[in-house]
Amino acid sequence: IGLASRRIMPAEARRLKSSGAGNMVNPSQERVVAVDSLVVITHPEN
């Protein structure tokens, strides 16, 4: 299982498919487990 904070890129998907891994963007191989906000943060006293 691979953990990714972005969607697989086409070049990565093609490389894995050529190795026999299948279609990496098929719902049986690509699952969204959560959504996330990249939060901009500062010091608490700012």
All heavy atoms as atom14 arrays in JSON, in Angstrom:
{
  "sequence": "IGLASRRIMPAEARRLKSSGAGNMVNPSQERVVAVDSLVVITHPEN",
  "atom14_mask": [
    [1, 1, 1, 1, 1, 1, 1, 1, 0, 0, 0, 0, 0, 0],
    [1, 1, 1, 1, 0, 0, 0, 0, 0, 0, 0, 0, 0, 0],
    [1, 1, 1, 1, 1, 1, 1, 1, 0, 0, 0, 0, 0, 0],
    [1, 1, 1, 1, 1, 0, 0, 0, 0, 0, 0, 0, 0, 0],
    [1, 1, 1, 1, 1, 1, 0, 0, 0, 0, 0, 0, 0, 0],
    [1, 1, 1, 1, 1, 1, 1, 1, 1, 1, 1, 0, 0, 0],
    [1, 1, 1, 1, 1, 1, 1, 1, 1, 1, 1, 0, 0, 0],
    [1, 1, 1, 1, 1, 1, 1, 1, 0, 0, 0, 0, 0, 0],
    [1, 1, 1, 1, 1, 1, 1, 1, 0, 0, 0, 0, 0, 0],
    [1, 1, 1, 1, 1, 1, 1, 0, 0, 0, 0, 0, 0, 0],
    [1, 1, 1, 1, 1, 0, 0, 0, 0, 0, 0, 0, 0, 0],
    [1, 1, 1, 1, 1, 1, 1, 1, 1, 0, 0, 0, 0, 0],
    [1, 1, 1, 1, 1, 0, 0, 0, 0, 0, 0, 0, 0, 0],
    [1, 1, 1, 1, 1, 1, 1, 1, 1, 1, 1, 0, 0, 0],
    [1, 1, 1, 1, 1, 1, 1, 1, 1, 1, 1, 0, 0, 0],
    [1, 1, 1, 1, 1, 1, 1, 1, 0, 0, 0, 0, 0, 0],
    [1, 1, 1, 1, 1, 1, 1, 1, 1, 0, 0, 0, 0, 0],
    [1, 1, 1, 1, 1, 1, 0, 0, 0, 0, 0, 0, 0, 0],
    [1, 1, 1, 1, 1, 1, 0, 0, 0, 0, 0, 0, 0, 0],
    [1, 1, 1, 1, 0, 0, 0, 0, 0, 0, 0, 0, 0, 0],
    [1, 1, 1, 1, 1, 0, 0, 0, 0, 0, 0, 0, 0, 0],
    [1, 1, 1, 1, 0, 0, 0, 0, 0, 0, 0, 0, 0, 0],
    [1, 1, 1, 1, 1, 1, 1, 1, 0, 0, 0, 0, 0, 0],
    [1, 1, 1, 1, 1, 1, 1, 1, 0, 0, 0, 0, 0, 0],
    [1, 1, 1, 1, 1, 1, 1, 0, 0, 0, 0, 0, 0, 0],
    [1, 1, 1, 1, 1, 1, 1, 1, 0, 0, 0, 0, 0, 0],
    [1, 1, 1, 1, 1, 1, 1, 0, 0, 0, 0, 0, 0, 0],
    [1, 1, 1, 1, 1, 1, 0, 0, 0, 0, 0, 0, 0, 0],
    [1, 1, 1, 1, 1, 1, 1, 1, 1, 0, 0, 0, 0, 0],
    [1, 1, 1, 1, 1, 1, 1, 1, 1, 0, 0, 0, 0, 0],
    [1, 1, 1, 1, 1, 1, 1, 1, 1, 1, 1, 0, 0, 0],
    [1, 1, 1, 1, 1, 1, 1, 0, 0, 0, 0, 0, 0, 0],
    [1, 1, 1, 1, 1, 1, 1, 0, 0, 0, 0, 0, 0, 0],
    [1, 1, 1, 1, 1, 0, 0, 0, 0, 0, 0, 0, 0, 0],
    [1, 1, 1, 1, 1, 1, 1, 0, 0, 0, 0, 0, 0, 0],
    [1, 1, 1, 1, 1, 1, 1, 1, 0, 0, 0, 0, 0, 0],
    [1, 1, 1, 1, 1, 1, 0, 0, 0, 0, 0, 0, 0, 0],
    [1, 1, 1, 1, 1, 1, 1, 1, 0, 0, 0, 0, 0, 0],
    [1, 1, 1, 1, 1, 1, 1, 0, 0, 0, 0, 0, 0, 0],
    [1, 1, 1, 1, 1, 1, 1, 0, 0, 0, 0, 0, 0, 0],
    [1, 1, 1, 1, 1, 1, 1, 1, 0, 0, 0, 0, 0, 0],
    [1, 1, 1, 1, 1, 1, 1, 0, 0, 0, 0, 0, 0, 0],
    [1, 1, 1, 1, 1, 1, 1, 1, 1, 1, 0, 0, 0, 0],
    [1, 1, 1, 1, 1, 1, 1, 0, 0, 0, 0, 0, 0, 0],
    [1, 1, 1, 1, 1, 1, 1, 1, 1, 0, 0, 0, 0, 0],
    [1, 1, 1, 1, 1, 1, 1, 1, 0, 0, 0, 0, 0, 0]
  ],
  "atom14_positions": [
    [[0.85, -1.19, 0.0], [0.0, 0.0, 0.0], [0.88, 1.23, 0.0], [1.82, 1.34, 0.81], [-0.94, 0.03, 1.23], [-1.86, -1.19, 1.23], [-1.76, 1.32, 1.25], [-2.72, -1.31, 2.48], [0.0, 0.0, 0.0], [0.0, 0.0, 0.0], [0.0, 0.0, 0.0], [0.0, 0.0, 0.0], [0.0, 0.0, 0.0], [0.0, 0.0, 0.0]],
    [[0.61, 2.18, -0.89], [1.36, 3.43, -0.96], [0.5, 4.58, -0.47], [-0.68, 4.67, -0.82], [0.0, 0.0, 0.0], [0.0, 0.0, 0.0], [0.0, 0.0, 0.0], [0.0, 0.0, 0.0], [0.0, 0.0, 0.0], [0.0, 0.0, 0.0], [0.0, 0.0, 0.0], [0.0, 0.0, 0.0], [0.0, 0.0, 0.0], [0.0, 0.0, 0.0]],
    [[1.08, 5.45, 0.33], [0.37, 6.61, 0.89], [0.79, 7.86, 0.13], [1.98, 8.14, 0.0], [0.73, 6.77, 2.38], [0.63, 5.51, 3.24], [1.13, 5.81, 4.66], [-0.79, 4.99, 3.25], [0.0, 0.0, 0.0], [0.0, 0.0, 0.0], [0.0, 0.0, 0.0], [0.0, 0.0, 0.0], [0.0, 0.0, 0.0], [0.0, 0.0, 0.0]],
    [[-0.19, 8.61, -0.38], [0.14, 9.77, -1.22], [-0.67, 10.99, -0.8], [-1.89, 10.89, -0.61], [-0.11, 9.46, -2.69], [0.0, 0.0, 0.0], [0.0, 0.0, 0.0], [0.0, 0.0, 0.0], [0.0, 0.0, 0.0], [0.0, 0.0, 0.0], [0.0, 0.0, 0.0], [0.0, 0.0, 0.0], [0.0, 0.0, 0.0], [0.0, 0.0, 0.0]],
    [[-0.01, 12.13, -0.68], [-0.69, 13.38, -0.36], [-1.02, 14.17, -1.62], [-1.36, 15.35, -1.56], [0.16, 14.23, 0.59], [1.44, 14.5, 0.02], [0.0, 0.0, 0.0], [0.0, 0.0, 0.0], [0.0, 0.0, 0.0], [0.0, 0.0, 0.0], [0.0, 0.0, 0.0], [0.0, 0.0, 0.0], [0.0, 0.0, 0.0], [0.0, 0.0, 0.0]],
    [[-0.91, 13.52, -2.77], [-1.35, 14.07, -4.05], [-1.72, 12.9, -4.94], [-1.4, 11.75, -4.64], [-0.25, 14.89, -4.73], [1.01, 14.09, -5.01], [1.91, 14.75, -6.02], [3.19, 14.08, -6.15], [3.41, 12.97, -6.84], [2.39, 12.39, -7.47], [4.6, 12.42, -6.92], [0.0, 0.0, 0.0], [0.0, 0.0, 0.0], [0.0, 0.0, 0.0]],
    [[-2.39, 13.21, -6.04], [-2.76, 12.14, -6.96], [-1.54, 11.68, -7.75], [-0.62, 12.48, -8.02], [-3.87, 12.61, -7.92], [-4.57, 11.45, -8.6], [-5.7, 11.87, -9.51], [-6.5, 10.71, -9.86], [-7.28, 10.65, -10.92], [-7.38, 11.69, -11.75], [-7.98, 9.56, -11.19], [0.0, 0.0, 0.0], [0.0, 0.0, 0.0], [0.0, 0.0, 0.0]],
    [[-1.53, 10.42, -8.09], [-0.42, 9.88, -8.87], [-0.28, 10.62, -10.19], [-1.28, 10.98, -10.83], [-0.63, 8.36, -9.11], [0.64, 7.74, -9.68], [-1.85, 8.1, -9.99], [0.6, 6.22, -9.72], [0.0, 0.0, 0.0], [0.0, 0.0, 0.0], [0.0, 0.0, 0.0], [0.0, 0.0, 0.0], [0.0, 0.0, 0.0], [0.0, 0.0, 0.0]],
    [[0.95, 10.89, -10.61], [1.19, 11.58, -11.87], [1.15, 10.58, -13.03], [1.42, 9.38, -12.84], [2.55, 12.27, -11.84], [2.63, 13.4, -10.82], [4.26, 14.2, -10.83], [4.0, 15.48, -9.61], [0.0, 0.0, 0.0], [0.0, 0.0, 0.0], [0.0, 0.0, 0.0], [0.0, 0.0, 0.0], [0.0, 0.0, 0.0], [0.0, 0.0, 0.0]],
    [[0.8, 11.05, -14.23], [0.71, 10.14, -15.38], [1.97, 9.3, -15.6], [1.87, 8.1, -15.89], [0.45, 11.09, -16.55], [-0.27, 12.25, -15.93], [0.35, 12.41, -14.58], [0.0, 0.0, 0.0], [0.0, 0.0, 0.0], [0.0, 0.0, 0.0], [0.0, 0.0, 0.0], [0.0, 0.0, 0.0], [0.0, 0.0, 0.0], [0.0, 0.0, 0.0]],
    [[3.15, 9.94, -15.46], [4.39, 9.2, -15.68], [4.56, 8.09, -14.65], [5.04, 6.98, -14.98], [5.59, 10.16, -15.62], [0.0, 0.0, 0.0], [0.0, 0.0, 0.0], [0.0, 0.0, 0.0], [0.0, 0.0, 0.0], [0.0, 0.0, 0.0], [0.0, 0.0, 0.0], [0.0, 0.0, 0.0], [0.0, 0.0, 0.0], [0.0, 0.0, 0.0]],
    [[4.18, 8.35, -13.42], [4.27, 7.34, -12.36], [3.29, 6.2, -12.64], [3.62, 5.02, -12.45], [3.99, 7.97, -11.0], [5.03, 8.99, -10.58], [4.6, 9.86, -9.41], [3.37, 10.1, -9.28], [5.46, 10.31, -8.63], [0.0, 0.0, 0.0], [0.0, 0.0, 0.0], [0.0, 0.0, 0.0], [0.0, 0.0, 0.0], [0.0, 0.0, 0.0]],
    [[2.08, 6.56, -13.07], [1.07, 5.54, -13.36], [1.5, 4.66, -14.53], [1.31, 3.43, -14.51], [-0.27, 6.21, -13.66], [0.0, 0.0, 0.0], [0.0, 0.0, 0.0], [0.0, 0.0, 0.0], [0.0, 0.0, 0.0], [0.0, 0.0, 0.0], [0.0, 0.0, 0.0], [0.0, 0.0, 0.0], [0.0, 0.0, 0.0], [0.0, 0.0, 0.0]],
    [[2.09, 5.28, -15.57], [2.55, 4.5, -16.73], [3.67, 3.55, -16.35], [3.71, 2.4, -16.8], [3.0, 5.46, -17.84], [1.85, 6.14, -18.59], [2.34, 6.79, -19.86], [3.22, 7.91, -19.57], [2.82, 9.18, -19.44], [1.53, 9.47, -19.57], [3.67, 10.15, -19.2], [0.0, 0.0, 0.0], [0.0, 0.0, 0.0], [0.0, 0.0, 0.0]],
    [[4.59, 4.04, -15.51], [5.73, 3.21, -15.1], [5.25, 1.99, -14.31], [5.72, 0.87, -14.53], [6.7, 4.04, -14.26], [8.0, 3.33, -13.9], [9.04, 4.31, -13.42], [8.66, 4.88, -12.14], [9.21, 4.53, -10.98], [10.14, 3.6, -10.95], [8.85, 5.11, -9.86], [0.0, 0.0, 0.0], [0.0, 0.0, 0.0], [0.0, 0.0, 0.0]],
    [[4.29, 2.21, -13.41], [3.77, 1.09, -12.64], [2.97, 0.13, -13.52], [3.06, -1.1, -13.37], [2.9, 1.62, -11.5], [3.68, 2.08, -10.26], [2.85, 3.01, -9.39], [4.15, 0.88, -9.46], [0.0, 0.0, 0.0], [0.0, 0.0, 0.0], [0.0, 0.0, 0.0], [0.0, 0.0, 0.0], [0.0, 0.0, 0.0], [0.0, 0.0, 0.0]],
    [[2.2, 0.68, -14.46], [1.42, -0.18, -15.34], [2.33, -1.07, -16.19], [2.05, -2.25, -16.39], [0.53, 0.67, -16.25], [-0.41, -0.17, -17.12], [-1.36, 0.71, -17.92], [-2.32, -0.14, -18.73], [-3.3, 0.69, -19.5], [0.0, 0.0, 0.0], [0.0, 0.0, 0.0], [0.0, 0.0, 0.0], [0.0, 0.0, 0.0], [0.0, 0.0, 0.0]],
    [[3.45, -0.5, -16.65], [4.38, -1.27, -17.46], [5.04, -2.4, -16.68], [5.54, -3.36, -17.25], [5.46, -0.35, -18.06], [6.29, 0.18, -17.03], [0.0, 0.0, 0.0], [0.0, 0.0, 0.0], [0.0, 0.0, 0.0], [0.0, 0.0, 0.0], [0.0, 0.0, 0.0], [0.0, 0.0, 0.0], [0.0, 0.0, 0.0], [0.0, 0.0, 0.0]],
    [[5.04, -2.27, -15.33], [5.63, -3.32, -14.49], [4.62, -4.4, -14.13], [4.95, -5.33, -13.39], [6.2, -2.7, -13.21], [5.15, -2.33, -12.33], [0.0, 0.0, 0.0], [0.0, 0.0, 0.0], [0.0, 0.0, 0.0], [0.0, 0.0, 0.0], [0.0, 0.0, 0.0], [0.0, 0.0, 0.0], [0.0, 0.0, 0.0], [0.0, 0.0, 0.0]],
    [[3.37, -4.23, -14.63], [2.34, -5.22, -14.34], [1.44, -4.87, -13.18], [0.64, -5.71, -12.74], [0.0, 0.0, 0.0], [0.0, 0.0, 0.0], [0.0, 0.0, 0.0], [0.0, 0.0, 0.0], [0.0, 0.0, 0.0], [0.0, 0.0, 0.0], [0.0, 0.0, 0.0], [0.0, 0.0, 0.0], [0.0, 0.0, 0.0], [0.0, 0.0, 0.0]],
    [[1.53, -3.64, -12.69], [0.77, -3.24, -11.5], [-0.69, -2.93, -11.81], [-1.49, -2.78, -10.89], [1.42, -2.02, -10.85], [0.0, 0.0, 0.0], [0.0, 0.0, 0.0], [0.0, 0.0, 0.0], [0.0, 0.0, 0.0], [0.0, 0.0, 0.0], [0.0, 0.0, 0.0], [0.0, 0.0, 0.0], [0.0, 0.0, 0.0], [0.0, 0.0, 0.0]],
    [[-1.04, -2.81, -13.08], [-2.42, -2.52, -13.45], [-2.67, -1.02, -13.61], [-1.74, -0.21, -13.63], [0.0, 0.0, 0.0], [0.0, 0.0, 0.0], [0.0, 0.0, 0.0], [0.0, 0.0, 0.0], [0.0, 0.0, 0.0], [0.0, 0.0, 0.0], [0.0, 0.0, 0.0], [0.0, 0.0, 0.0], [0.0, 0.0, 0.0], [0.0, 0.0, 0.0]],
    [[-3.94, -0.67, -13.71], [-4.34, 0.73, -13.89], [-4.41, 1.41, -12.52], [-5.36, 1.2, -11.77], [-5.69, 0.78, -14.59], [-6.15, 2.21, -14.84], [-5.44, 3.17, -14.53], [-7.33, 2.36, -15.42], [0.0, 0.0, 0.0], [0.0, 0.0, 0.0], [0.0, 0.0, 0.0], [0.0, 0.0, 0.0], [0.0, 0.0, 0.0], [0.0, 0.0, 0.0]],
    [[-3.45, 2.27, -12.21], [-3.34, 2.84, -10.88], [-4.43, 3.85, -10.56], [-4.6, 4.23, -9.39], [-1.97, 3.5, -10.7], [-0.79, 2.54, -10.82], [-0.86, 1.16, -9.65], [-0.66, 2.03, -8.09], [0.0, 0.0, 0.0], [0.0, 0.0, 0.0], [0.0, 0.0, 0.0], [0.0, 0.0, 0.0], [0.0, 0.0, 0.0], [0.0, 0.0, 0.0]],
    [[-5.18, 4.33, -11.55], [-6.26, 5.27, -11.28], [-7.62, 4.59, -11.32], [-8.66, 5.24, -11.24], [-6.24, 6.47, -12.26], [-4.97, 7.29, -12.06], [-6.37, 6.0, -13.71], [0.0, 0.0, 0.0], [0.0, 0.0, 0.0], [0.0, 0.0, 0.0], [0.0, 0.0, 0.0], [0.0, 0.0, 0.0], [0.0, 0.0, 0.0], [0.0, 0.0, 0.0]],
    [[-7.63, 3.27, -11.41], [-8.86, 2.51, -11.29], [-9.33, 2.56, -9.83], [-8.51, 2.51, -8.92], [-8.62, 1.06, -11.71], [-9.9, 0.25, -11.76], [-10.48, -0.1, -10.74], [-10.34, -0.07, -12.97], [0.0, 0.0, 0.0], [0.0, 0.0, 0.0], [0.0, 0.0, 0.0], [0.0, 0.0, 0.0], [0.0, 0.0, 0.0], [0.0, 0.0, 0.0]],
    [[-10.65, 2.69, -9.59], [-11.14, 2.76, -8.21], [-10.7, 1.6, -7.32], [-10.67, 1.73, -6.1], [-12.67, 2.78, -8.38], [-12.88, 3.37, -9.74], [-11.75, 2.88, -10.56], [0.0, 0.0, 0.0], [0.0, 0.0, 0.0], [0.0, 0.0, 0.0], [0.0, 0.0, 0.0], [0.0, 0.0, 0.0], [0.0, 0.0, 0.0], [0.0, 0.0, 0.0]],
    [[-10.36, 0.46, -7.93], [-9.91, -0.69, -7.14], [-8.46, -0.55, -6.7], [-7.96, -1.33, -5.89], [-10.08, -1.98, -7.93], [-9.22, -1.99, -9.07], [0.0, 0.0, 0.0], [0.0, 0.0, 0.0], [0.0, 0.0, 0.0], [0.0, 0.0, 0.0], [0.0, 0.0, 0.0], [0.0, 0.0, 0.0], [0.0, 0.0, 0.0], [0.0, 0.0, 0.0]],
    [[-7.76, 0.47, -7.24], [-6.36, 0.68, -6.9], [-6.07, 2.08, -6.38], [-4.99, 2.34, -5.84], [-5.46, 0.39, -8.11], [-5.48, -1.06, -8.54], [-4.57, -1.34, -9.73], [-5.01, -1.84, -10.76], [-3.3, -1.03, -9.6], [0.0, 0.0, 0.0], [0.0, 0.0, 0.0], [0.0, 0.0, 0.0], [0.0, 0.0, 0.0], [0.0, 0.0, 0.0]],
    [[-7.0, 2.99, -6.54], [-6.84, 4.36, -6.07], [-8.01, 4.71, -5.17], [-9.16, 4.69, -5.6], [-6.79, 5.32, -7.26], [-6.68, 6.79, -6.86], [-6.82, 7.72, -8.05], [-7.89, 7.71, -8.69], [-5.86, 8.44, -8.35], [0.0, 0.0, 0.0], [0.0, 0.0, 0.0], [0.0, 0.0, 0.0], [0.0, 0.0, 0.0], [0.0, 0.0, 0.0]],
    [[-7.72, 5.02, -3.91], [-8.77, 5.32, -2.93], [-8.48, 6.64, -2.24], [-7.36, 6.87, -1.78], [-8.87, 4.21, -1.89], [-9.33, 2.86, -2.44], [-9.12, 1.76, -1.43], [-9.67, 0.48, -1.88], [-9.05, -0.35, -2.71], [-7.85, -0.03, -3.18], [-9.6, -1.5, -3.06], [0.0, 0.0, 0.0], [0.0, 0.0, 0.0], [0.0, 0.0, 0.0]],
    [[-9.49, 7.49, -2.13], [-9.36, 8.72, -1.36], [-9.76, 8.38, 0.07], [-10.91, 8.01, 0.34], [-10.28, 9.84, -1.92], [-10.16, 11.09, -1.06], [-9.91, 10.15, -3.37], [0.0, 0.0, 0.0], [0.0, 0.0, 0.0], [0.0, 0.0, 0.0], [0.0, 0.0, 0.0], [0.0, 0.0, 0.0], [0.0, 0.0, 0.0], [0.0, 0.0, 0.0]],
    [[-8.8, 8.49, 0.99], [-9.07, 8.11, 2.38], [-9.51, 9.3, 3.22], [-10.18, 9.13, 4.25], [-7.81, 7.44, 2.99], [-6.68, 8.45, 3.16], [-8.14, 6.78, 4.31], [0.0, 0.0, 0.0], [0.0, 0.0, 0.0], [0.0, 0.0, 0.0], [0.0, 0.0, 0.0], [0.0, 0.0, 0.0], [0.0, 0.0, 0.0], [0.0, 0.0, 0.0]],
    [[-9.17, 10.51, 2.8], [-9.54, 11.71, 3.56], [-9.28, 12.92, 2.7], [-8.65, 12.83, 1.63], [-8.74, 11.81, 4.86], [0.0, 0.0, 0.0], [0.0, 0.0, 0.0], [0.0, 0.0, 0.0], [0.0, 0.0, 0.0], [0.0, 0.0, 0.0], [0.0, 0.0, 0.0], [0.0, 0.0, 0.0], [0.0, 0.0, 0.0], [0.0, 0.0, 0.0]],
    [[-9.78, 14.07, 3.13], [-9.4, 15.35, 2.53], [-8.6, 16.12, 3.57], [-8.7, 15.86, 4.77], [-10.62, 16.17, 2.06], [-11.25, 15.52, 0.86], [-11.64, 16.32, 3.18], [0.0, 0.0, 0.0], [0.0, 0.0, 0.0], [0.0, 0.0, 0.0], [0.0, 0.0, 0.0], [0.0, 0.0, 0.0], [0.0, 0.0, 0.0], [0.0, 0.0, 0.0]],
    [[-7.81, 17.03, 3.11], [-6.89, 17.72, 4.01], [-6.76, 19.18, 3.58], [-6.75, 19.48, 2.39], [-5.52, 17.03, 3.96], [-4.53, 17.58, 4.97], [-4.98, 18.04, 6.04], [-3.33, 17.55, 4.7], [0.0, 0.0, 0.0], [0.0, 0.0, 0.0], [0.0, 0.0, 0.0], [0.0, 0.0, 0.0], [0.0, 0.0, 0.0], [0.0, 0.0, 0.0]],
    [[-6.67, 20.06, 4.55], [-6.36, 21.46, 4.26], [-4.9, 21.7, 4.62], [-4.47, 21.36, 5.74], [-7.24, 22.4, 5.08], [-8.57, 22.33, 4.67], [0.0, 0.0, 0.0], [0.0, 0.0, 0.0], [0.0, 0.0, 0.0], [0.0, 0.0, 0.0], [0.0, 0.0, 0.0], [0.0, 0.0, 0.0], [0.0, 0.0, 0.0], [0.0, 0.0, 0.0]],
    [[-4.15, 22.24, 3.71], [-2.8, 22.67, 4.03], [-2.94, 24.03, 4.7], [-3.26, 25.02, 4.05], [-1.95, 22.77, 2.76], [-0.44, 22.79, 2.95], [0.03, 21.51, 3.64], [0.27, 22.95, 1.62], [0.0, 0.0, 0.0], [0.0, 0.0, 0.0], [0.0, 0.0, 0.0], [0.0, 0.0, 0.0], [0.0, 0.0, 0.0], [0.0, 0.0, 0.0]],
    [[-2.75, 24.07, 6.0], [-3.04, 25.27, 6.79], [-1.81, 26.15, 6.9], [-0.73, 25.68, 7.27], [-3.54, 24.88, 8.2], [-3.88, 26.12, 9.01], [-4.74, 23.96, 8.1], [0.0, 0.0, 0.0], [0.0, 0.0, 0.0], [0.0, 0.0, 0.0], [0.0, 0.0, 0.0], [0.0, 0.0, 0.0], [0.0, 0.0, 0.0], [0.0, 0.0, 0.0]],
    [[-1.96, 27.43, 6.58], [-0.87, 28.39, 6.75], [-0.86, 28.8, 8.22], [-1.89, 29.2, 8.78], [-1.08, 29.62, 5.85], [0.04, 30.64, 6.08], [-1.12, 29.21, 4.38], [0.0, 0.0, 0.0], [0.0, 0.0, 0.0], [0.0, 0.0, 0.0], [0.0, 0.0, 0.0], [0.0, 0.0, 0.0], [0.0, 0.0, 0.0], [0.0, 0.0, 0.0]],
    [[0.29, 28.67, 8.86], [0.38, 28.91, 10.31], [1.43, 29.96, 10.64], [2.41, 30.15, 9.9], [0.7, 27.62, 11.07], [2.01, 26.98, 10.55], [-0.45, 26.63, 10.98], [2.5, 25.8, 11.36], [0.0, 0.0, 0.0], [0.0, 0.0, 0.0], [0.0, 0.0, 0.0], [0.0, 0.0, 0.0], [0.0, 0.0, 0.0], [0.0, 0.0, 0.0]],
    [[1.21, 30.63, 11.77], [2.18, 31.59, 12.31], [2.36, 31.3, 13.8], [1.67, 30.45, 14.37], [1.72, 33.04, 12.13], [0.49, 33.23, 12.87], [1.5, 33.37, 10.67], [0.0, 0.0, 0.0], [0.0, 0.0, 0.0], [0.0, 0.0, 0.0], [0.0, 0.0, 0.0], [0.0, 0.0, 0.0], [0.0, 0.0, 0.0], [0.0, 0.0, 0.0]],
    [[3.24, 32.04, 14.42], [3.45, 31.92, 15.85], [2.16, 32.31, 16.58], [1.46, 33.24, 16.14], [4.6, 32.84, 16.29], [5.05, 32.63, 17.7], [4.44, 33.24, 18.77], [6.04, 31.85, 18.2], [5.04, 32.87, 19.89], [6.01, 32.02, 19.58], [0.0, 0.0, 0.0], [0.0, 0.0, 0.0], [0.0, 0.0, 0.0], [0.0, 0.0, 0.0]],
    [[1.8, 31.64, 17.68], [0.54, 31.92, 18.38], [0.37, 33.37, 18.81], [-0.76, 33.85, 18.93], [0.6, 30.99, 19.6], [1.52, 29.9, 19.2], [2.54, 30.51, 18.3], [0.0, 0.0, 0.0], [0.0, 0.0, 0.0], [0.0, 0.0, 0.0], [0.0, 0.0, 0.0], [0.0, 0.0, 0.0], [0.0, 0.0, 0.0], [0.0, 0.0, 0.0]],
    [[1.46, 34.1, 19.04], [1.37, 35.48, 19.51], [1.37, 36.5, 18.38], [1.29, 37.7, 18.62], [2.51, 35.77, 20.49], [2.44, 34.92, 21.76], [3.58, 35.22, 22.72], [4.4, 36.13, 22.42], [3.66, 34.55, 23.76], [0.0, 0.0, 0.0], [0.0, 0.0, 0.0], [0.0, 0.0, 0.0], [0.0, 0.0, 0.0], [0.0, 0.0, 0.0]],
    [[1.43, 36.04, 17.14], [1.38, 36.96, 16.0], [-0.05, 37.48, 15.87], [-0.99, 36.69, 15.74], [1.8, 36.22, 14.73], [2.02, 37.16, 13.55], [1.36, 38.18, 13.42], [2.97, 36.8, 12.69], [0.0, 0.0, 0.0], [0.0, 0.0, 0.0], [0.0, 0.0, 0.0], [0.0, 0.0, 0.0], [0.0, 0.0, 0.0], [0.0, 0.0, 0.0]]
  ]
}
